[in-house]
PDB file of N, CA and C in Angstrom:
ATOM      1  N   UNK A   1       8.044   1.896 -12.950  1.00  0.00           N
ATOM      2  CA  UNK A   1       7.495   0.575 -12.726  1.00  0.00           C
ATOM      3  C   UNK A   1       7.361   0.289 -11.237  1.00  0.00           C
ATOM      4  N   UNK A   2       8.269   0.822 -10.442  1.00  0.00           N
ATOM      5  CA  UNK A   2       8.222   0.543  -9.001  1.00  0.00           C
ATOM      6  C   UNK A   2       6.913   1.039  -8.392  1.00  0.00           C
ATOM      7  N   UNK A   3       6.439   2.212  -8.814  1.00  0.00           N
ATOM      8  CA  UNK A   3       5.165   2.733  -8.294  1.00  0.00           C
ATOM      9  C   UNK A   3       3.998   1.847  -8.722  1.00  0.00           C
ATOM     10  N   UNK A   4       4.005   1.398  -9.957  1.00  0.00           N
ATOM     11  CA  UNK A   4       2.958   0.510 -10.447  1.00  0.00           C
ATOM     12  C   UNK A   4       2.955  -0.799  -9.666  1.00  0.00           C
ATOM     13  N   UNK A   5       4.132  -1.356  -9.425  1.00  0.00           N
ATOM     14  CA  UNK A   5       4.241  -2.616  -8.690  1.00  0.00           C
ATOM     15  C   UNK A   5       3.724  -2.447  -7.266  1.00  0.00           C
ATOM     16  N   UNK A   6       4.087  -1.340  -6.613  1.00  0.00           N
ATOM     17  CA  UNK A   6       3.581  -1.081  -5.251  1.00  0.00           C
ATOM     18  C   UNK A   6       2.060  -0.977  -5.241  1.00  0.00           C
ATOM     19  N   UNK A   7       1.511  -0.263  -6.209  1.00  0.00           N
ATOM     20  CA  UNK A   7       0.056  -0.130  -6.304  1.00  0.00           C
ATOM     21  C   UNK A   7      -0.631  -1.452  -6.546  1.00  0.00           C
ATOM     22  N   UNK A   8      -0.049  -2.261  -7.414  1.00  0.00           N
ATOM     23  CA  UNK A   8      -0.611  -3.590  -7.662  1.00  0.00           C
ATOM     24  C   UNK A   8      -0.570  -4.457  -6.416  1.00  0.00           C
ATOM     25  N   UNK A   9       0.554  -4.427  -5.722  1.00  0.00           N
ATOM     26  CA  UNK A   9       0.689  -5.225  -4.505  1.00  0.00           C
ATOM     27  C   UNK A   9      -0.343  -4.801  -3.465  1.00  0.00           C
ATOM     28  N   UNK A  10      -0.572  -3.486  -3.325  1.00  0.00           N
ATOM     29  CA  UNK A  10      -1.580  -3.009  -2.378  1.00  0.00           C
ATOM     30  C   UNK A  10      -2.977  -3.439  -2.810  1.00  0.00           C
ATOM     31  N   UNK A  11      -3.269  -3.320  -4.093  1.00  0.00           N
ATOM     32  CA  UNK A  11      -4.584  -3.674  -4.608  1.00  0.00           C
ATOM     33  C   UNK A  11      -4.852  -5.163  -4.480  1.00  0.00           C
ATOM     34  N   UNK A  12      -3.838  -5.975  -4.807  1.00  0.00           N
ATOM     35  CA  UNK A  12      -4.009  -7.417  -4.779  1.00  0.00           C
ATOM     36  C   UNK A  12      -3.832  -8.020  -3.394  1.00  0.00           C
ATOM     37  N   UNK A  13      -3.174  -7.283  -2.504  1.00  0.00           N
ATOM     38  CA  UNK A  13      -2.963  -7.796  -1.155  1.00  0.00           C
ATOM     39  C   UNK A  13      -1.940  -8.908  -1.083  1.00  0.00           C
ATOM     40  N   UNK A  14      -1.023  -8.924  -2.029  1.00  0.00           N
ATOM     41  CA  UNK A  14       0.048  -9.922  -2.028  1.00  0.00           C
ATOM     42  C   UNK A  14       1.242  -9.371  -2.780  1.00  0.00           C
ATOM     43  N   UNK A  15       2.418  -9.976  -2.572  1.00  0.00           N
ATOM     44  CA  UNK A  15       3.610  -9.458  -3.253  1.00  0.00           C
ATOM     45  C   UNK A  15       3.492  -9.559  -4.770  1.00  0.00           C
ATOM     46  N   UNK A  16       4.056  -8.577  -5.450  1.00  0.00           N
ATOM     47  CA  UNK A  16       4.131  -8.566  -6.912  1.00  0.00           C
ATOM     48  C   UNK A  16       5.584  -8.359  -7.267  1.00  0.00           C
ATOM     49  N   UNK A  17       6.136  -9.257  -8.065  1.00  0.00           N
ATOM     50  CA  UNK A  17       7.534  -9.164  -8.480  1.00  0.00           C
ATOM     51  C   UNK A  17       7.620  -8.521  -9.859  1.00  0.00           C
ATOM     52  N   UNK A  18       8.506  -7.563 -10.006  1.00  0.00           N
ATOM     53  CA  UNK A  18       8.714  -6.884 -11.282  1.00  0.00           C
ATOM     54  C   UNK A  18       9.786  -7.629 -12.065  1.00  0.00           C
ATOM     55  N   UNK A  19       9.382  -8.277 -13.140  1.00  0.00           N
ATOM     56  CA  UNK A  19      10.338  -8.973 -13.999  1.00  0.00           C
ATOM     57  C   UNK A  19      10.405  -8.329 -15.379  1.00  0.00           C
ATOM     58  N   UNK A  20      10.007  -7.049 -15.464  1.00  0.00           N
ATOM     59  CA  UNK A  20       9.997  -6.373 -16.759  1.00  0.00           C
ATOM     60  C   UNK A  20      11.383  -5.933 -17.196  1.00  0.00           C
ATOM     61  N   UNK A  21      12.240  -5.579 -16.240  1.00  0.00           N
ATOM     62  CA  UNK A  21      13.542  -5.041 -16.585  1.00  0.00           C
ATOM     63  C   UNK A  21      13.504  -3.558 -16.903  1.00  0.00           C
ATOM     64  N   UNK A  22      12.304  -2.920 -16.863  1.00  0.00           N
ATOM     65  CA  UNK A  22      12.180  -1.493 -17.130  1.00  0.00           C
ATOM     66  C   UNK A  22      12.666  -0.711 -15.919  1.00  0.00           C
ATOM     67  N   UNK A  23      13.512   0.290 -16.143  1.00  0.00           N
ATOM     68  CA  UNK A  23      14.028   1.080 -15.033  1.00  0.00           C
ATOM     69  C   UNK A  23      13.668   2.550 -15.147  1.00  0.00           C
ATOM     70  N   UNK A  24      13.197   2.990 -16.286  1.00  0.00           N
ATOM     71  CA  UNK A  24      12.906   4.406 -16.484  1.00  0.00           C
ATOM     72  C   UNK A  24      11.544   4.807 -15.947  1.00  0.00           C
ATOM     73  N   UNK A  25      11.229   6.088 -16.135  1.00  0.00           N
ATOM     74  CA  UNK A  25       9.924   6.624 -15.749  1.00  0.00           C
ATOM     75  C   UNK A  25       8.996   6.543 -16.950  1.00  0.00           C
ATOM     76  N   UNK A  26       7.710   6.290 -16.690  1.00  0.00           N
ATOM     77  CA  UNK A  26       6.734   6.149 -17.753  1.00  0.00           C
ATOM     78  C   UNK A  26       5.482   6.933 -17.406  1.00  0.00           C
ATOM     79  N   UNK A  27       4.815   7.460 -18.415  1.00  0.00           N
ATOM     80  CA  UNK A  27       3.481   8.028 -18.256  1.00  0.00           C
ATOM     81  C   UNK A  27       2.509   6.933 -18.675  1.00  0.00           C
ATOM     82  N   UNK A  28       1.605   6.579 -17.771  1.00  0.00           N
ATOM     83  CA  UNK A  28       0.640   5.525 -18.053  1.00  0.00           C
ATOM     84  C   UNK A  28      -0.720   6.141 -18.314  1.00  0.00           C
ATOM     85  N   UNK A  29      -1.444   5.557 -19.259  1.00  0.00           N
ATOM     86  CA  UNK A  29      -2.787   6.004 -19.567  1.00  0.00           C
ATOM     87  C   UNK A  29      -3.690   4.783 -19.576  1.00  0.00           C
ATOM     88  N   UNK A  30      -4.504   4.643 -18.525  1.00  0.00           N
ATOM     89  CA  UNK A  30      -5.417   3.516 -18.405  1.00  0.00           C
ATOM     90  C   UNK A  30      -6.853   4.006 -18.459  1.00  0.00           C
ATOM     91  N   UNK A  31      -7.721   3.212 -19.054  1.00  0.00           N
ATOM     92  CA  UNK A  31      -9.149   3.495 -19.059  1.00  0.00           C
ATOM     93  C   UNK A  31      -9.844   2.362 -18.325  1.00  0.00           C
ATOM     94  N   UNK A  32     -10.556   2.693 -17.249  1.00  0.00           N
ATOM     95  CA  UNK A  32     -11.267   1.686 -16.465  1.00  0.00           C
ATOM     96  C   UNK A  32     -12.394   2.356 -15.711  1.00  0.00           C
ATOM     97  N   UNK A  33     -13.308   1.548 -15.189  1.00  0.00           N
ATOM     98  CA  UNK A  33     -14.435   2.094 -14.445  1.00  0.00           C
ATOM     99  C   UNK A  33     -14.649   1.396 -13.119  1.00  0.00           C
ATOM    100  N   UNK A  34     -13.846   0.417 -12.776  1.00  0.00           N
ATOM    101  CA  UNK A  34     -14.071  -0.362 -11.566  1.00  0.00           C
ATOM    102  C   UNK A  34     -13.565   0.379 -10.339  1.00  0.00           C
ATOM    103  N   UNK A  35     -14.445   0.604  -9.347  1.00  0.00           N
ATOM    104  CA  UNK A  35     -14.063   1.303  -8.123  1.00  0.00           C
ATOM    105  C   UNK A  35     -13.011   0.556  -7.329  1.00  0.00           C
ATOM    106  N   UNK A  36     -12.970  -0.772  -7.409  1.00  0.00           N
ATOM    107  CA  UNK A  36     -12.001  -1.548  -6.631  1.00  0.00           C
ATOM    108  C   UNK A  36     -10.580  -1.234  -7.061  1.00  0.00           C
ATOM    109  N   UNK A  37     -10.384  -0.858  -8.325  1.00  0.00           N
ATOM    110  CA  UNK A  37      -9.038  -0.576  -8.810  1.00  0.00           C
ATOM    111  C   UNK A  37      -8.632   0.868  -8.539  1.00  0.00           C
ATOM    112  N   UNK A  38      -9.583   1.794  -8.518  1.00  0.00           N
ATOM    113  CA  UNK A  38      -9.234   3.201  -8.426  1.00  0.00           C
ATOM    114  C   UNK A  38      -9.278   3.755  -7.015  1.00  0.00           C
ATOM    115  N   UNK A  39      -9.517   2.944  -5.998  1.00  0.00           N
ATOM    116  CA  UNK A  39      -9.518   3.428  -4.620  1.00  0.00           C
ATOM    117  C   UNK A  39      -8.156   4.012  -4.300  1.00  0.00           C
ATOM    118  N   UNK A  40      -8.151   5.142  -3.690  1.00  0.00           N
ATOM    119  CA  UNK A  40      -6.888   5.750  -3.293  1.00  0.00           C
ATOM    120  C   UNK A  40      -6.827   5.777  -1.781  1.00  0.00           C
ATOM    121  N   UNK A  41      -5.638   5.910  -1.202  1.00  0.00           N
ATOM    122  CA  UNK A  41      -5.564   6.012   0.250  1.00  0.00           C
ATOM    123  C   UNK A  41      -6.494   7.127   0.724  1.00  0.00           C
ATOM    124  N   UNK A  42      -7.256   6.812   1.757  1.00  0.00           N
ATOM    125  CA  UNK A  42      -8.253   7.741   2.253  1.00  0.00           C
ATOM    126  C   UNK A  42      -9.645   7.382   1.786  1.00  0.00           C
ATOM    127  N   UNK A  43      -9.767   6.496   0.771  1.00  0.00           N
ATOM    128  CA  UNK A  43     -11.062   6.007   0.344  1.00  0.00           C
ATOM    129  C   UNK A  43     -11.383   4.768   1.164  1.00  0.00           C
ATOM    130  N   UNK A  44     -12.524   4.761   1.771  1.00  0.00           N
ATOM    131  CA  UNK A  44     -12.853   3.681   2.702  1.00  0.00           C
ATOM    132  C   UNK A  44     -13.269   2.415   1.988  1.00  0.00           C
ATOM    133  N   UNK A  45     -12.692   1.304   2.427  1.00  0.00           N
ATOM    134  CA  UNK A  45     -13.202  -0.007   2.052  1.00  0.00           C
ATOM    135  C   UNK A  45     -14.454  -0.222   2.892  1.00  0.00           C
ATOM    136  N   UNK A  46     -15.381  -1.106   2.482  1.00  0.00           N
ATOM    137  CA  UNK A  46     -16.619  -1.282   3.230  1.00  0.00           C
ATOM    138  C   UNK A  46     -16.409  -1.594   4.707  1.00  0.00           C
ATOM    139  N   UNK A  47     -15.371  -2.333   5.040  1.00  0.00           N
ATOM    140  CA  UNK A  47     -15.130  -2.713   6.439  1.00  0.00           C
ATOM    141  C   UNK A  47     -14.074  -1.828   7.102  1.00  0.00           C
ATOM    142  N   UNK A  48     -13.766  -0.670   6.510  1.00  0.00           N
ATOM    143  CA  UNK A  48     -12.702   0.193   7.025  1.00  0.00           C
ATOM    144  C   UNK A  48     -13.204   1.633   7.130  1.00  0.00           C
ATOM    145  N   UNK A  49     -13.905   1.969   8.229  1.00  0.00           N
ATOM    146  CA  UNK A  49     -14.440   3.318   8.338  1.00  0.00           C
ATOM    147  C   UNK A  49     -13.373   4.398   8.366  1.00  0.00           C
ATOM    148  N   UNK A  50     -12.133   4.063   8.725  1.00  0.00           N
ATOM    149  CA  UNK A  50     -11.055   5.046   8.734  1.00  0.00           C
ATOM    150  C   UNK A  50     -10.544   5.368   7.352  1.00  0.00           C
ATOM    151  N   UNK A  51     -10.871   4.558   6.373  1.00  0.00           N
ATOM    152  CA  UNK A  51     -10.477   4.820   4.994  1.00  0.00           C
ATOM    153  C   UNK A  51      -9.008   4.625   4.709  1.00  0.00           C
ATOM    154  N   UNK A  52      -8.343   3.670   5.375  1.00  0.00           N
ATOM    155  CA  UNK A  52      -6.906   3.504   5.187  1.00  0.00           C
ATOM    156  C   UNK A  52      -6.531   2.316   4.326  1.00  0.00           C
ATOM    157  N   UNK A  53      -7.506   1.523   3.925  1.00  0.00           N
ATOM    158  CA  UNK A  53      -7.166   0.325   3.168  1.00  0.00           C
ATOM    159  C   UNK A  53      -7.975   0.250   1.885  1.00  0.00           C
ATOM    160  N   UNK A  54      -7.438  -0.511   0.926  1.00  0.00           N
ATOM    161  CA  UNK A  54      -8.165  -0.813  -0.292  1.00  0.00           C
ATOM    162  C   UNK A  54      -9.224  -1.853   0.029  1.00  0.00           C
ATOM    163  N   UNK A  55     -10.246  -1.997  -0.806  1.00  0.00           N
ATOM    164  CA  UNK A  55     -11.214  -3.067  -0.592  1.00  0.00           C
ATOM    165  C   UNK A  55     -10.500  -4.410  -0.534  1.00  0.00           C
ATOM    166  N   UNK A  56     -11.040  -5.349   0.248  1.00  0.00           N
ATOM    167  CA  UNK A  56     -10.352  -6.615   0.455  1.00  0.00           C
ATOM    168  C   UNK A  56     -10.403  -7.518  -0.769  1.00  0.00           C
ATOM    169  N   UNK A  57     -11.381  -7.345  -1.640  1.00  0.00           N
ATOM    170  CA  UNK A  57     -11.490  -8.218  -2.805  1.00  0.00           C
ATOM    171  C   UNK A  57     -11.666  -7.384  -4.071  1.00  0.00           C
ATOM    172  N   UNK A  58     -10.567  -6.958  -4.697  1.00  0.00           N
ATOM    173  CA  UNK A  58     -10.695  -6.185  -5.931  1.00  0.00           C
ATOM    174  C   UNK A  58     -11.211  -7.063  -7.061  1.00  0.00           C
ATOM    175  N   UNK A  59     -11.808  -6.448  -8.058  1.00  0.00           N
ATOM    176  CA  UNK A  59     -12.271  -7.172  -9.229  1.00  0.00           C
ATOM    177  C   UNK A  59     -11.049  -7.517 -10.078  1.00  0.00           C
ATOM    178  N   UNK A  60     -10.603  -8.755  -9.986  1.00  0.00           N
ATOM    179  CA  UNK A  60      -9.357  -9.152 -10.648  1.00  0.00           C
ATOM    180  C   UNK A  60      -9.436  -9.051 -12.160  1.00  0.00           C
ATOM    181  N   UNK A  61     -10.618  -9.232 -12.747  1.00  0.00           N
ATOM    182  CA  UNK A  61     -10.716  -9.126 -14.206  1.00  0.00           C
ATOM    183  C   UNK A  61     -10.364  -7.709 -14.655  1.00  0.00           C
ATOM    184  N   UNK A  62     -10.712  -6.701 -13.851  1.00  0.00           N
ATOM    185  CA  UNK A  62     -10.376  -5.321 -14.192  1.00  0.00           C
ATOM    186  C   UNK A  62      -8.877  -5.093 -14.059  1.00  0.00           C
ATOM    187  N   UNK A  63      -8.263  -5.668 -13.031  1.00  0.00           N
ATOM    188  CA  UNK A  63      -6.815  -5.532 -12.836  1.00  0.00           C
ATOM    189  C   UNK A  63      -6.074  -6.154 -14.019  1.00  0.00           C
ATOM    190  N   UNK A  64      -6.484  -7.357 -14.414  1.00  0.00           N
ATOM    191  CA  UNK A  64      -5.825  -8.024 -15.534  1.00  0.00           C
ATOM    192  C   UNK A  64      -6.071  -7.262 -16.843  1.00  0.00           C
ATOM    193  N   UNK A  65      -7.265  -6.699 -17.029  1.00  0.00           N
ATOM    194  CA  UNK A  65      -7.561  -5.924 -18.237  1.00  0.00           C
ATOM    195  C   UNK A  65      -6.696  -4.664 -18.281  1.00  0.00           C
ATOM    196  N   UNK A  66      -6.496  -4.023 -17.122  1.00  0.00           N
ATOM    197  CA  UNK A  66      -5.651  -2.829 -17.073  1.00  0.00           C
ATOM    198  C   UNK A  66      -4.217  -3.176 -17.442  1.00  0.00           C
ATOM    199  N   UNK A  67      -3.712  -4.278 -16.935  1.00  0.00           N
ATOM    200  CA  UNK A  67      -2.342  -4.685 -17.269  1.00  0.00           C
ATOM    201  C   UNK A  67      -2.231  -5.013 -18.754  1.00  0.00           C
ATOM    202  N   UNK A  68      -3.282  -5.613 -19.305  1.00  0.00           N
ATOM    203  CA  UNK A  68      -3.292  -5.932 -20.726  1.00  0.00           C
ATOM    204  C   UNK A  68      -3.231  -4.658 -21.568  1.00  0.00           C
ATOM    205  N   UNK A  69      -3.923  -3.585 -21.129  1.00  0.00           N
ATOM    206  CA  UNK A  69      -3.867  -2.307 -21.848  1.00  0.00           C
ATOM    207  C   UNK A  69      -2.446  -1.776 -21.908  1.00  0.00           C
ATOM    208  N   UNK A  70      -1.668  -2.070 -20.872  1.00  0.00           N
ATOM    209  CA  UNK A  70      -0.282  -1.597 -20.822  1.00  0.00           C
ATOM    210  C   UNK A  70       0.690  -2.539 -21.517  1.00  0.00           C
ATOM    211  N   UNK A  71       0.182  -3.667 -22.011  1.00  0.00           N
ATOM    212  CA  UNK A  71       1.056  -4.648 -22.638  1.00  0.00           C
ATOM    213  C   UNK A  71       1.813  -5.476 -21.619  1.00  0.00           C
ATOM    214  N   UNK A  72       1.311  -5.528 -20.396  1.00  0.00           N
ATOM    215  CA  UNK A  72       1.939  -6.299 -19.325  1.00  0.00           C
ATOM    216  C   UNK A  72       1.066  -7.500 -18.985  1.00  0.00           C
ATOM    217  N   UNK A  73       1.676  -8.495 -18.392  1.00  0.00           N
ATOM    218  CA  UNK A  73       0.942  -9.702 -18.039  1.00  0.00           C
ATOM    219  C   UNK A  73       1.270 -10.077 -16.599  1.00  0.00           C
ATOM    220  N   UNK A  74       0.221 -10.357 -15.816  1.00  0.00           N
ATOM    221  CA  UNK A  74       0.407 -10.858 -14.459  1.00  0.00           C
ATOM    222  C   UNK A  74       0.356 -12.371 -14.503  1.00  0.00           C
ATOM    223  N   UNK A  75       1.379 -12.993 -13.961  1.00  0.00           N
ATOM    224  CA  UNK A  75       1.433 -14.453 -13.908  1.00  0.00           C
ATOM    225  C   UNK A  75       1.681 -14.897 -12.481  1.00  0.00           C
ATOM    226  N   UNK A  76       0.930 -15.890 -12.005  1.00  0.00           N
ATOM    227  CA  UNK A  76       1.258 -16.432 -10.680  1.00  0.00           C
ATOM    228  C   UNK A  76       2.596 -17.160 -10.757  1.00  0.00           C
ATOM    229  N   UNK A  77       3.450 -16.896  -9.808  1.00  0.00           N
ATOM    230  CA  UNK A  77       4.772 -17.520  -9.792  1.00  0.00           C
ATOM    231  C   UNK A  77       5.315 -17.482  -8.379  1.00  0.00           C
ATOM    232  N   UNK A  78       6.327 -18.265  -8.164  1.00  0.00           N
ATOM    233  CA  UNK A  78       7.032 -18.233  -6.893  1.00  0.00           C
ATOM    234  C   UNK A  78       8.341 -17.491  -7.098  1.00  0.00           C
ATOM    235  N   UNK A  79       8.711 -16.717  -6.096  1.00  0.00           N
ATOM    236  CA  UNK A  79       9.951 -15.973  -6.175  1.00  0.00           C
ATOM    237  C   UNK A  79      10.357 -15.505  -4.796  1.00  0.00           C
ATOM    238  N   UNK A  80      11.505 -14.910  -4.725  1.00  0.00           N
ATOM    239  CA  UNK A  80      12.010 -14.404  -3.448  1.00  0.00           C
ATOM    240  C   UNK A  80      11.397 -13.044  -3.139  1.00  0.00           C
ATOM    241  N   UNK A  81      11.024 -12.861  -1.892  1.00  0.00           N
ATOM    242  CA  UNK A  81      10.542 -11.566  -1.421  1.00  0.00           C
ATOM    243  C   UNK A  81      11.209 -11.275  -0.092  1.00  0.00           C
ATOM    244  N   UNK A  82      11.399  -9.991   0.205  1.00  0.00           N
ATOM    245  CA  UNK A  82      11.992  -9.610   1.482  1.00  0.00           C
ATOM    246  C   UNK A  82      10.958  -9.750   2.579  1.00  0.00           C
ATOM    247  N   UNK A  83      11.398 -10.282   3.713  1.00  0.00           N
ATOM    248  CA  UNK A  83      10.521 -10.466   4.861  1.00  0.00           C
ATOM    249  C   UNK A  83      11.261  -9.985   6.098  1.00  0.00           C
ATOM    250  N   UNK A  84      10.564  -9.258   6.944  1.00  0.00           N
ATOM    251  CA  UNK A  84      11.130  -8.812   8.202  1.00  0.00           C
ATOM    252  C   UNK A  84      10.484  -9.630   9.312  1.00  0.00           C
ATOM    253  N   UNK A  85      11.286 -10.321  10.101  1.00  0.00           N
ATOM    254  CA  UNK A  85      10.788 -11.142  11.190  1.00  0.00           C
ATOM    255  C   UNK A  85      11.236 -10.523  12.505  1.00  0.00           C
ATOM    256  N   UNK A  86      10.291 -10.217  13.366  1.00  0.00           N
ATOM    257  CA  UNK A  86      10.591  -9.693  14.707  1.00  0.00           C
ATOM    258  C   UNK A  86      10.322 -10.845  15.667  1.00  0.00           C
ATOM    259  N   UNK A  87      11.368 -11.358  16.287  1.00  0.00           N
ATOM    260  CA  UNK A  87      11.177 -12.496  17.180  1.00  0.00           C
ATOM    261  C   UNK A  87      11.121 -12.105  18.649  1.00  0.00           C
ATOM    262  N   UNK A  88      11.378 -10.834  18.951  1.00  0.00           N
ATOM    263  CA  UNK A  88      11.331 -10.399  20.342  1.00  0.00           C
ATOM    264  C   UNK A  88      11.197  -8.879  20.379  1.00  0.00           C
ATOM    265  N   UNK A  89      10.394  -8.376  21.314  1.00  0.00           N
ATOM    266  CA  UNK A  89      10.257  -6.927  21.508  1.00  0.00           C
ATOM    267  C   UNK A  89      10.031  -6.653  22.996  1.00  0.00           C
ATOM    268  N   UNK A  90      10.612  -5.567  23.490  1.00  0.00           N
ATOM    269  CA  UNK A  90      10.437  -5.166  24.883  1.00  0.00           C
ATOM    270  C   UNK A  90      10.121  -3.686  24.919  1.00  0.00           C
ATOM    271  N   UNK A  91       9.416  -3.265  25.932  1.00  0.00           N
ATOM    272  CA  UNK A  91       9.164  -1.840  26.136  1.00  0.00           C
ATOM    273  C   UNK A  91      10.477  -1.161  26.524  1.00  0.00           C
ATOM    274  N   UNK A  92      10.701   0.052  26.052  1.00  0.00           N
ATOM    275  CA  UNK A  92      11.935   0.760  26.424  1.00  0.00           C
ATOM    276  C   UNK A  92      11.921   1.114  27.916  1.00  0.00           C
ATOM    277  N   UNK A  93      13.113   1.147  28.498  1.00  0.00           N
ATOM    278  CA  UNK A  93      13.229   1.519  29.906  1.00  0.00           C
ATOM    279  C   UNK A  93      13.450   3.020  30.017  1.00  0.00           C
ATOM    280  N   UNK A  94      13.032   3.604  31.127  1.00  0.00           N
ATOM    281  CA  UNK A  94      13.236   5.035  31.360  1.00  0.00           C
ATOM    282  C   UNK A  94      14.712   5.320  31.576  1.00  0.00           C
ATOM    283  N   UNK A  95      15.184   6.462  31.101  1.00  0.00           N
ATOM    284  CA  UNK A  95      16.598   6.819  31.245  1.00  0.00           C
ATOM    285  C   UNK A  95      16.872   7.387  32.591  1.00  0.00           C
TER     286      UNK A  95
END
């Protein structure tokens, strides 16, 4: 589930919280045709000639349909997420 959650978060461009309680490994079988969902690292988004990012606006109906095939449901909710805040940075000094 952790890999699926990471992929969803990358595709959606926002945090995704796993509330399934599943901890094991699963083989997933999805059928879809939308390019926005199947982009892999190295596939260029229209505004990313380096090919390092997913498209900025995935087709959400395809994402929700894929989750439905798996028997999962995406719900908007508020929850805790880890955040790293850097309040100061300096260049290292020579030794």
